[in-house]
Amino acid sequence: MVLLDVPFFVNTGDGNRCAQVALQCALKYYLGKDIPVEELDRLTGRKEGKWTSTFQIVAGAWDLGLDVRYYSKSPIEPYTHTEEEIVKYTRETFPNAAETILKHSDLPVMLEKATHLTKLNLFEKRLLSFQEIEKHITQNHLPLLCIDYAKIAIDKSKYPNYSGHFVPMVGFDNES
């Protein structure tokens, strides 16, 4: 069993700060910094009632001094051109959840942060295997995962479609 001693912080406010809270855990663990979520909201470009895209959290982590990489099965390119391209890509790729995603997304910020990540060369289009994630954890790396909360929600009626949720993966055992 491997379990990193990562501090726990509570997702407060409007409940849409899971990315900021995951980043808060990483900043305290690696840098010993206590940065309030309100400050992380500002640094990542998150606004009240909006979700935080992975682009925002990775760019914020980099800008705050963490050595980060961003892996995804989805391409980053549609998010680096125009807001219209983001809308088109989201509707084509997530037809059942597109309107919810778009309603909760800050497209100008997504565009800015995705472009920033592309310039920094932090993105790689691929999925990590569970074995690769385990290896990262054993090397004292802290994966921040964006999972589909709709898959684990107790009340599925509140989350009928995709709903992103950031979690720090702090460990694993032989049974997980």
N, C-alpha and C. Protein backbone atom coordinates (compact mmCIF):
# COMPACT_ATOMS: atom_id res chain seq x y z
N MET A 1 0.85 -1.18 0.00
CA MET A 1 0.00 0.00 0.00
C MET A 1 0.90 1.25 0.00
N VAL A 2 0.51 2.22 -0.80
CA VAL A 2 1.20 3.50 -0.86
C VAL A 2 0.17 4.58 -0.57
N LEU A 3 0.50 5.47 0.38
CA LEU A 3 -0.40 6.56 0.72
C LEU A 3 0.42 7.80 1.01
N LEU A 4 0.29 8.81 0.14
CA LEU A 4 1.00 10.06 0.33
C LEU A 4 0.31 10.85 1.46
N ASP A 5 1.09 11.53 2.25
CA ASP A 5 0.56 12.29 3.38
C ASP A 5 0.15 13.69 2.92
N VAL A 6 -0.87 13.73 2.09
CA VAL A 6 -1.36 14.97 1.49
C VAL A 6 -2.42 15.58 2.41
N PRO A 7 -2.31 16.86 2.73
CA PRO A 7 -3.32 17.49 3.59
C PRO A 7 -4.68 17.54 2.90
N PHE A 8 -5.72 17.52 3.71
CA PHE A 8 -7.10 17.56 3.22
C PHE A 8 -7.68 18.95 3.42
N PHE A 9 -8.34 19.46 2.39
CA PHE A 9 -9.06 20.72 2.47
C PHE A 9 -10.49 20.48 2.01
N VAL A 10 -11.42 21.25 2.54
CA VAL A 10 -12.85 21.09 2.26
C VAL A 10 -13.26 22.00 1.10
N ASN A 11 -14.10 21.47 0.21
CA ASN A 11 -14.66 22.23 -0.91
C ASN A 11 -15.85 23.04 -0.38
N THR A 12 -15.63 24.33 -0.18
CA THR A 12 -16.66 25.19 0.42
C THR A 12 -17.26 26.12 -0.63
N GLY A 13 -18.12 27.02 -0.19
CA GLY A 13 -18.71 28.00 -1.09
C GLY A 13 -19.80 27.40 -1.94
N ASP A 14 -19.74 27.65 -3.25
CA ASP A 14 -20.80 27.19 -4.14
C ASP A 14 -20.62 25.73 -4.56
N GLY A 15 -19.61 25.06 -4.03
CA GLY A 15 -19.40 23.64 -4.35
C GLY A 15 -18.67 23.40 -5.65
N ASN A 16 -18.32 24.46 -6.34
CA ASN A 16 -17.65 24.34 -7.64
C ASN A 16 -16.15 24.60 -7.56
N ARG A 17 -15.58 24.39 -6.39
CA ARG A 17 -14.16 24.68 -6.21
C ARG A 17 -13.31 23.42 -6.04
N CYS A 18 -13.76 22.30 -6.53
CA CYS A 18 -13.00 21.06 -6.33
C CYS A 18 -11.61 21.16 -6.96
N ALA A 19 -11.47 21.84 -8.08
CA ALA A 19 -10.16 22.00 -8.72
C ALA A 19 -9.25 22.86 -7.86
N GLN A 20 -9.78 23.93 -7.32
CA GLN A 20 -8.98 24.80 -6.46
C GLN A 20 -8.57 24.06 -5.19
N VAL A 21 -9.48 23.26 -4.63
CA VAL A 21 -9.16 22.51 -3.42
C VAL A 21 -8.10 21.45 -3.72
N ALA A 22 -8.20 20.77 -4.86
CA ALA A 22 -7.17 19.79 -5.24
C ALA A 22 -5.81 20.48 -5.40
N LEU A 23 -5.82 21.66 -6.03
CA LEU A 23 -4.59 22.43 -6.18
C LEU A 23 -4.07 22.90 -4.82
N GLN A 24 -4.97 23.29 -3.94
CA GLN A 24 -4.60 23.71 -2.59
C GLN A 24 -3.87 22.57 -1.86
N CYS A 25 -4.36 21.34 -2.00
CA CYS A 25 -3.71 20.17 -1.41
C CYS A 25 -2.29 20.02 -1.95
N ALA A 26 -2.14 20.13 -3.27
CA ALA A 26 -0.82 19.96 -3.91
C ALA A 26 0.14 21.05 -3.48
N LEU A 27 -0.33 22.29 -3.41
CA LEU A 27 0.54 23.41 -3.02
C LEU A 27 1.03 23.26 -1.58
N LYS A 28 0.15 22.82 -0.71
CA LYS A 28 0.55 22.61 0.69
C LYS A 28 1.52 21.44 0.79
N TYR A 29 1.25 20.36 0.06
CA TYR A 29 2.08 19.15 0.11
C TYR A 29 3.49 19.42 -0.42
N TYR A 30 3.58 20.06 -1.58
CA TYR A 30 4.89 20.24 -2.22
C TYR A 30 5.63 21.50 -1.78
N LEU A 31 4.91 22.59 -1.64
CA LEU A 31 5.56 23.87 -1.40
C LEU A 31 5.35 24.41 0.01
N GLY A 32 4.50 23.73 0.80
CA GLY A 32 4.22 24.20 2.15
C GLY A 32 3.42 25.49 2.18
N LYS A 33 2.78 25.83 1.07
CA LYS A 33 2.04 27.09 0.97
C LYS A 33 0.57 26.89 1.33
N ASP A 34 0.04 27.81 2.13
CA ASP A 34 -1.39 27.86 2.43
C ASP A 34 -1.98 28.99 1.60
N ILE A 35 -2.59 28.66 0.49
CA ILE A 35 -3.18 29.69 -0.36
C ILE A 35 -4.69 29.52 -0.31
N PRO A 36 -5.42 30.54 0.14
CA PRO A 36 -6.88 30.44 0.22
C PRO A 36 -7.50 30.18 -1.16
N VAL A 37 -8.63 29.47 -1.17
CA VAL A 37 -9.29 29.16 -2.44
C VAL A 37 -9.70 30.42 -3.19
N GLU A 38 -10.00 31.50 -2.47
CA GLU A 38 -10.36 32.74 -3.15
C GLU A 38 -9.20 33.25 -4.00
N GLU A 39 -7.98 33.10 -3.48
CA GLU A 39 -6.80 33.49 -4.24
C GLU A 39 -6.57 32.54 -5.42
N LEU A 40 -6.84 31.26 -5.20
CA LEU A 40 -6.71 30.29 -6.30
C LEU A 40 -7.78 30.53 -7.36
N ASP A 41 -8.97 30.97 -6.94
CA ASP A 41 -10.01 31.37 -7.91
C ASP A 41 -9.45 32.45 -8.83
N ARG A 42 -8.84 33.47 -8.22
CA ARG A 42 -8.29 34.58 -9.00
C ARG A 42 -7.17 34.10 -9.93
N LEU A 43 -6.26 33.30 -9.40
CA LEU A 43 -5.12 32.84 -10.19
C LEU A 43 -5.52 31.91 -11.34
N THR A 44 -6.59 31.14 -11.15
CA THR A 44 -7.03 30.22 -12.20
C THR A 44 -8.10 30.82 -13.11
N GLY A 45 -8.61 31.99 -12.74
CA GLY A 45 -9.63 32.64 -13.56
C GLY A 45 -11.03 32.12 -13.30
N ARG A 46 -11.25 31.44 -12.20
CA ARG A 46 -12.58 30.91 -11.88
C ARG A 46 -13.50 32.01 -11.37
N LYS A 47 -14.73 31.98 -11.86
CA LYS A 47 -15.75 32.94 -11.42
C LYS A 47 -16.87 32.19 -10.71
N GLU A 48 -17.55 32.87 -9.81
CA GLU A 48 -18.65 32.30 -9.04
C GLU A 48 -19.64 31.61 -9.96
N GLY A 49 -20.02 30.39 -9.58
CA GLY A 49 -21.01 29.63 -10.34
C GLY A 49 -20.46 28.92 -11.57
N LYS A 50 -19.21 29.11 -11.86
CA LYS A 50 -18.59 28.46 -13.03
C LYS A 50 -17.70 27.31 -12.58
N TRP A 51 -17.51 26.35 -13.47
CA TRP A 51 -16.60 25.25 -13.22
C TRP A 51 -15.21 25.69 -13.62
N THR A 52 -14.23 24.93 -13.20
CA THR A 52 -12.85 25.20 -13.56
C THR A 52 -12.40 24.13 -14.54
N SER A 53 -11.92 24.53 -15.70
CA SER A 53 -11.43 23.55 -16.67
C SER A 53 -10.06 23.04 -16.24
N THR A 54 -9.70 21.90 -16.74
CA THR A 54 -8.38 21.34 -16.46
C THR A 54 -7.30 22.31 -16.93
N PHE A 55 -7.55 23.01 -18.04
CA PHE A 55 -6.58 23.99 -18.54
C PHE A 55 -6.28 25.03 -17.47
N GLN A 56 -7.33 25.49 -16.80
CA GLN A 56 -7.17 26.53 -15.78
C GLN A 56 -6.34 26.03 -14.60
N ILE A 57 -6.60 24.81 -14.15
CA ILE A 57 -5.92 24.31 -12.96
C ILE A 57 -4.47 23.97 -13.27
N VAL A 58 -4.20 23.41 -14.44
CA VAL A 58 -2.82 23.08 -14.81
C VAL A 58 -2.01 24.36 -15.00
N ALA A 59 -2.56 25.34 -15.69
CA ALA A 59 -1.87 26.62 -15.88
C ALA A 59 -1.62 27.29 -14.53
N GLY A 60 -2.60 27.25 -13.65
CA GLY A 60 -2.44 27.84 -12.32
C GLY A 60 -1.36 27.14 -11.52
N ALA A 61 -1.33 25.81 -11.57
CA ALA A 61 -0.32 25.04 -10.85
C ALA A 61 1.08 25.39 -11.37
N TRP A 62 1.22 25.48 -12.68
CA TRP A 62 2.51 25.84 -13.29
C TRP A 62 2.93 27.25 -12.86
N ASP A 63 1.99 28.17 -12.97
CA ASP A 63 2.30 29.56 -12.63
C ASP A 63 2.68 29.74 -11.16
N LEU A 64 2.20 28.83 -10.30
CA LEU A 64 2.52 28.90 -8.87
C LEU A 64 3.79 28.12 -8.51
N GLY A 65 4.43 27.53 -9.51
CA GLY A 65 5.72 26.90 -9.26
C GLY A 65 5.74 25.39 -9.21
N LEU A 66 4.62 24.73 -9.47
CA LEU A 66 4.62 23.28 -9.49
C LEU A 66 5.07 22.77 -10.85
N ASP A 67 5.79 21.66 -10.85
CA ASP A 67 6.22 21.00 -12.09
C ASP A 67 5.09 20.07 -12.51
N VAL A 68 4.33 20.45 -13.53
CA VAL A 68 3.12 19.72 -13.90
C VAL A 68 3.15 19.24 -15.34
N ARG A 69 2.35 18.21 -15.61
CA ARG A 69 2.09 17.72 -16.96
C ARG A 69 0.59 17.49 -17.04
N TYR A 70 0.06 17.60 -18.25
CA TYR A 70 -1.38 17.42 -18.46
C TYR A 70 -1.56 16.34 -19.52
N TYR A 71 -2.21 15.23 -19.13
CA TYR A 71 -2.50 14.13 -20.02
C TYR A 71 -4.00 14.02 -20.21
N SER A 72 -4.44 13.82 -21.45
CA SER A 72 -5.86 13.65 -21.72
C SER A 72 -6.04 12.89 -23.02
N LYS A 73 -7.14 12.13 -23.10
CA LYS A 73 -7.45 11.46 -24.36
C LYS A 73 -8.05 12.44 -25.37
N SER A 74 -8.52 13.58 -24.88
CA SER A 74 -9.10 14.59 -25.76
C SER A 74 -8.03 15.56 -26.23
N PRO A 75 -8.13 16.05 -27.45
CA PRO A 75 -7.13 17.00 -27.95
C PRO A 75 -7.29 18.37 -27.30
N ILE A 76 -6.22 19.13 -27.27
CA ILE A 76 -6.27 20.48 -26.72
C ILE A 76 -6.55 21.51 -27.82
N GLU A 77 -6.26 21.16 -29.06
CA GLU A 77 -6.35 22.11 -30.18
C GLU A 77 -7.70 22.80 -30.32
N PRO A 78 -8.84 22.10 -30.18
CA PRO A 78 -10.12 22.81 -30.34
C PRO A 78 -10.32 23.94 -29.32
N TYR A 79 -9.57 23.91 -28.24
CA TYR A 79 -9.70 24.91 -27.20
C TYR A 79 -8.72 26.06 -27.36
N THR A 80 -7.94 26.05 -28.43
CA THR A 80 -6.91 27.08 -28.61
C THR A 80 -7.17 28.01 -29.80
N HIS A 81 -8.33 27.90 -30.43
CA HIS A 81 -8.61 28.72 -31.61
C HIS A 81 -9.59 29.86 -31.31
N THR A 82 -10.87 29.50 -31.20
CA THR A 82 -11.89 30.51 -30.94
C THR A 82 -12.94 29.94 -29.99
N GLU A 83 -13.72 30.82 -29.40
CA GLU A 83 -14.82 30.36 -28.54
C GLU A 83 -15.83 29.54 -29.34
N GLU A 84 -16.05 29.93 -30.58
CA GLU A 84 -16.99 29.20 -31.44
C GLU A 84 -16.51 27.77 -31.67
N GLU A 85 -15.20 27.59 -31.83
CA GLU A 85 -14.63 26.26 -32.01
C GLU A 85 -14.81 25.42 -30.75
N ILE A 86 -14.68 26.04 -29.58
CA ILE A 86 -14.89 25.33 -28.32
C ILE A 86 -16.34 24.85 -28.23
N VAL A 87 -17.28 25.73 -28.56
CA VAL A 87 -18.70 25.37 -28.52
C VAL A 87 -18.98 24.22 -29.49
N LYS A 88 -18.49 24.33 -30.70
CA LYS A 88 -18.71 23.28 -31.72
C LYS A 88 -18.12 21.95 -31.25
N TYR A 89 -16.89 21.97 -30.78
CA TYR A 89 -16.23 20.74 -30.33
C TYR A 89 -16.98 20.13 -29.15
N THR A 90 -17.39 20.95 -28.20
CA THR A 90 -18.09 20.45 -27.02
C THR A 90 -19.42 19.81 -27.41
N ARG A 91 -20.16 20.42 -28.31
CA ARG A 91 -21.45 19.86 -28.74
C ARG A 91 -21.27 18.56 -29.52
N GLU A 92 -20.22 18.47 -30.31
CA GLU A 92 -19.96 17.25 -31.09
C GLU A 92 -19.45 16.12 -30.20
N THR A 93 -18.62 16.44 -29.24
CA THR A 93 -17.95 15.43 -28.42
C THR A 93 -18.78 14.96 -27.24
N PHE A 94 -19.55 15.87 -26.66
CA PHE A 94 -20.36 15.55 -25.47
C PHE A 94 -21.81 15.92 -25.73
N PRO A 95 -22.47 15.28 -26.71
CA PRO A 95 -23.82 15.72 -27.09
C PRO A 95 -24.84 15.71 -25.95
N ASN A 96 -24.76 14.77 -25.04
CA ASN A 96 -25.73 14.70 -23.95
C ASN A 96 -25.46 15.70 -22.83
N ALA A 97 -24.22 16.13 -22.70
CA ALA A 97 -23.84 17.01 -21.59
C ALA A 97 -23.39 18.38 -22.05
N ALA A 98 -23.35 18.63 -23.35
CA ALA A 98 -22.76 19.85 -23.89
C ALA A 98 -23.36 21.12 -23.31
N GLU A 99 -24.65 21.21 -23.24
CA GLU A 99 -25.27 22.46 -22.78
C GLU A 99 -24.95 22.72 -21.31
N THR A 100 -24.90 21.68 -20.51
CA THR A 100 -24.53 21.84 -19.10
C THR A 100 -23.08 22.29 -18.99
N ILE A 101 -22.21 21.65 -19.75
CA ILE A 101 -20.78 22.01 -19.73
C ILE A 101 -20.61 23.45 -20.16
N LEU A 102 -21.24 23.83 -21.25
CA LEU A 102 -21.09 25.20 -21.78
C LEU A 102 -21.67 26.24 -20.81
N LYS A 103 -22.78 25.91 -20.19
CA LYS A 103 -23.41 26.83 -19.22
C LYS A 103 -22.47 27.14 -18.06
N HIS A 104 -21.68 26.14 -17.65
CA HIS A 104 -20.81 26.29 -16.49
C HIS A 104 -19.36 26.62 -16.85
N SER A 105 -19.09 26.83 -18.15
CA SER A 105 -17.72 27.10 -18.60
C SER A 105 -17.52 28.57 -18.90
N ASP A 106 -16.34 29.05 -18.61
CA ASP A 106 -15.93 30.41 -18.95
C ASP A 106 -15.04 30.30 -20.19
N LEU A 107 -15.66 30.41 -21.37
CA LEU A 107 -14.95 30.15 -22.61
C LEU A 107 -13.74 31.03 -22.86
N PRO A 108 -13.80 32.34 -22.60
CA PRO A 108 -12.60 33.15 -22.82
C PRO A 108 -11.42 32.70 -21.95
N VAL A 109 -11.70 32.32 -20.70
CA VAL A 109 -10.64 31.85 -19.82
C VAL A 109 -10.10 30.50 -20.29
N MET A 110 -11.00 29.61 -20.70
CA MET A 110 -10.56 28.31 -21.23
C MET A 110 -9.63 28.51 -22.42
N LEU A 111 -10.03 29.38 -23.33
CA LEU A 111 -9.23 29.67 -24.52
C LEU A 111 -7.85 30.20 -24.14
N GLU A 112 -7.82 31.15 -23.22
CA GLU A 112 -6.56 31.74 -22.77
C GLU A 112 -5.65 30.69 -22.13
N LYS A 113 -6.20 29.88 -21.22
CA LYS A 113 -5.38 28.91 -20.48
C LYS A 113 -4.94 27.75 -21.38
N ALA A 114 -5.79 27.28 -22.28
CA ALA A 114 -5.40 26.21 -23.20
C ALA A 114 -4.27 26.67 -24.11
N THR A 115 -4.35 27.90 -24.58
CA THR A 115 -3.30 28.47 -25.43
C THR A 115 -2.00 28.59 -24.63
N HIS A 116 -2.10 29.00 -23.38
CA HIS A 116 -0.94 29.12 -22.49
C HIS A 116 -0.26 27.75 -22.33
N LEU A 117 -1.05 26.71 -22.08
CA LEU A 117 -0.49 25.36 -21.90
C LEU A 117 0.19 24.86 -23.16
N THR A 118 -0.39 25.18 -24.31
CA THR A 118 0.20 24.77 -25.58
C THR A 118 1.58 25.41 -25.76
N LYS A 119 1.67 26.68 -25.44
CA LYS A 119 2.96 27.38 -25.57
C LYS A 119 4.00 26.82 -24.61
N LEU A 120 3.56 26.37 -23.43
CA LEU A 120 4.48 25.80 -22.44
C LEU A 120 4.82 24.34 -22.73
N ASN A 121 4.10 23.74 -23.68
CA ASN A 121 4.31 22.33 -24.06
C ASN A 121 4.09 21.38 -22.86
N LEU A 122 3.03 21.63 -22.10
CA LEU A 122 2.73 20.81 -20.93
C LEU A 122 1.71 19.72 -21.22
N PHE A 123 1.10 19.74 -22.40
CA PHE A 123 0.01 18.82 -22.74
C PHE A 123 0.51 17.65 -23.57
N GLU A 124 -0.01 16.47 -23.23
CA GLU A 124 0.24 15.28 -24.06
C GLU A 124 -1.07 14.54 -24.24
N LYS A 125 -1.43 14.28 -25.49
CA LYS A 125 -2.70 13.61 -25.79
C LYS A 125 -2.51 12.09 -25.66
N ARG A 126 -2.80 11.60 -24.47
CA ARG A 126 -2.79 10.17 -24.21
C ARG A 126 -3.33 9.91 -22.81
N LEU A 127 -3.81 8.72 -22.62
CA LEU A 127 -4.28 8.30 -21.30
C LEU A 127 -3.14 7.59 -20.58
N LEU A 128 -3.02 7.85 -19.31
CA LEU A 128 -2.07 7.11 -18.50
C LEU A 128 -2.74 5.82 -18.04
N SER A 129 -2.01 4.72 -18.06
CA SER A 129 -2.53 3.47 -17.53
C SER A 129 -2.55 3.56 -16.01
N PHE A 130 -3.30 2.69 -15.37
CA PHE A 130 -3.33 2.69 -13.92
C PHE A 130 -1.93 2.39 -13.37
N GLN A 131 -1.19 1.52 -14.07
CA GLN A 131 0.17 1.20 -13.64
C GLN A 131 1.06 2.45 -13.70
N GLU A 132 0.89 3.27 -14.71
CA GLU A 132 1.67 4.51 -14.81
C GLU A 132 1.30 5.47 -13.68
N ILE A 133 0.02 5.55 -13.36
CA ILE A 133 -0.42 6.42 -12.26
C ILE A 133 0.17 5.91 -10.94
N GLU A 134 0.12 4.60 -10.72
CA GLU A 134 0.72 4.03 -9.52
C GLU A 134 2.21 4.36 -9.43
N LYS A 135 2.91 4.25 -10.56
CA LYS A 135 4.35 4.55 -10.58
C LYS A 135 4.59 6.02 -10.20
N HIS A 136 3.76 6.91 -10.73
CA HIS A 136 3.89 8.33 -10.38
C HIS A 136 3.72 8.52 -8.87
N ILE A 137 2.73 7.87 -8.30
CA ILE A 137 2.48 8.03 -6.87
C ILE A 137 3.67 7.49 -6.06
N THR A 138 4.23 6.35 -6.48
CA THR A 138 5.38 5.81 -5.75
C THR A 138 6.60 6.73 -5.89
N GLN A 139 6.61 7.60 -6.90
CA GLN A 139 7.70 8.57 -7.09
C GLN A 139 7.37 9.91 -6.41
N ASN A 140 6.36 9.89 -5.54
CA ASN A 140 5.94 11.08 -4.79
C ASN A 140 5.30 12.15 -5.69
N HIS A 141 4.73 11.74 -6.80
CA HIS A 141 3.97 12.64 -7.66
C HIS A 141 2.51 12.56 -7.23
N LEU A 142 1.79 13.66 -7.30
CA LEU A 142 0.40 13.70 -6.89
C LEU A 142 -0.50 13.94 -8.10
N PRO A 143 -1.09 12.88 -8.65
CA PRO A 143 -2.02 13.09 -9.77
C PRO A 143 -3.28 13.80 -9.32
N LEU A 144 -3.65 14.85 -10.05
CA LEU A 144 -4.94 15.50 -9.84
C LEU A 144 -5.81 15.03 -11.00
N LEU A 145 -6.82 14.26 -10.68
CA LEU A 145 -7.65 13.63 -11.70
C LEU A 145 -8.98 14.35 -11.83
N CYS A 146 -9.42 14.52 -13.06
CA CYS A 146 -10.77 15.02 -13.31
C CYS A 146 -11.62 13.80 -13.62
N ILE A 147 -12.49 13.45 -12.68
CA ILE A 147 -13.34 12.28 -12.84
C ILE A 147 -14.77 12.72 -13.17
N ASP A 148 -15.57 11.77 -13.62
CA ASP A 148 -16.98 12.05 -13.90
C ASP A 148 -17.77 11.80 -12.63
N TYR A 149 -18.15 12.89 -11.96
CA TYR A 149 -18.89 12.78 -10.70
C TYR A 149 -20.23 12.06 -10.88
N ALA A 150 -20.81 12.16 -12.07
CA ALA A 150 -22.09 11.50 -12.33
C ALA A 150 -21.98 9.98 -12.14
N LYS A 151 -20.79 9.44 -12.31
CA LYS A 151 -20.59 7.99 -12.17
C LYS A 151 -20.54 7.56 -10.70
N ILE A 152 -20.18 8.46 -9.79
CA ILE A 152 -20.04 8.07 -8.39
C ILE A 152 -21.06 8.74 -7.47
N ALA A 153 -21.87 9.64 -8.00
CA ALA A 153 -22.85 10.37 -7.18
C ALA A 153 -23.85 9.41 -6.56
N ILE A 154 -24.18 9.66 -5.32
CA ILE A 154 -25.18 8.84 -4.63
C ILE A 154 -26.56 9.10 -5.23
N ASP A 155 -26.89 10.37 -5.45
CA ASP A 155 -28.17 10.74 -6.05
C ASP A 155 -27.95 11.00 -7.54
N LYS A 156 -28.11 9.97 -8.35
CA LYS A 156 -27.85 10.07 -9.79
C LYS A 156 -28.82 11.03 -10.49
N SER A 157 -29.99 11.28 -9.89
CA SER A 157 -30.96 12.17 -10.53
C SER A 157 -30.43 13.61 -10.60
N LYS A 158 -29.52 13.98 -9.69
CA LYS A 158 -28.94 15.32 -9.70
C LYS A 158 -27.85 15.46 -10.76
N TYR A 159 -27.31 14.33 -11.21
CA TYR A 159 -26.21 14.34 -12.17
C TYR A 159 -26.49 13.34 -13.29
N PRO A 160 -27.49 13.63 -14.15
CA PRO A 160 -27.83 12.67 -15.20
C PRO A 160 -26.78 12.57 -16.30
N ASN A 161 -25.95 13.60 -16.45
CA ASN A 161 -24.92 13.62 -17.48
C ASN A 161 -23.57 13.88 -16.84
N TYR A 162 -22.57 13.98 -17.67
CA TYR A 162 -21.22 14.22 -17.20
C TYR A 162 -21.14 15.45 -16.29
N SER A 163 -20.39 15.31 -15.22
CA SER A 163 -20.12 16.42 -14.32
C SER A 163 -18.69 16.23 -13.80
N GLY A 164 -17.78 17.04 -14.29
CA GLY A 164 -16.37 16.90 -13.91
C GLY A 164 -16.15 17.20 -12.44
N HIS A 165 -15.22 16.45 -11.84
CA HIS A 165 -14.90 16.63 -10.42
C HIS A 165 -13.42 16.31 -10.22
N PHE A 166 -12.67 17.28 -9.68
CA PHE A 166 -11.23 17.08 -9.45
C PHE A 166 -10.99 16.43 -8.10
N VAL A 167 -10.09 15.44 -8.10
CA VAL A 167 -9.66 14.79 -6.87
C VAL A 167 -8.17 14.54 -6.94
N PRO A 168 -7.47 14.72 -5.81
CA PRO A 168 -6.08 14.29 -5.76
C PRO A 168 -6.03 12.80 -5.47
N MET A 169 -5.27 12.05 -6.23
CA MET A 169 -5.14 10.61 -5.99
C MET A 169 -3.92 10.42 -5.09
N VAL A 170 -4.17 10.18 -3.82
CA VAL A 170 -3.10 10.19 -2.82
C VAL A 170 -2.49 8.83 -2.56
N GLY A 171 -3.05 7.77 -3.14
CA GLY A 171 -2.46 6.46 -2.89
C GLY A 171 -3.22 5.35 -3.58
N PHE A 172 -2.79 4.13 -3.29
CA PHE A 172 -3.41 2.94 -3.83
C PHE A 172 -2.99 1.75 -2.96
N ASP A 173 -3.75 0.66 -3.08
CA ASP A 173 -3.37 -0.58 -2.43
C ASP A 173 -3.56 -1.72 -3.42
N ASN A 174 -3.30 -2.92 -3.01
CA ASN A 174 -3.39 -4.07 -3.92
C ASN A 174 -4.82 -4.42 -4.31
N GLU A 175 -5.79 -3.87 -3.61
CA GLU A 175 -7.18 -4.16 -3.90
C GLU A 175 -7.87 -3.11 -4.74
N SER A 176 -7.21 -1.98 -5.01
CA SER A 176 -7.88 -0.93 -5.77
C SER A 176 -7.50 -0.96 -7.22
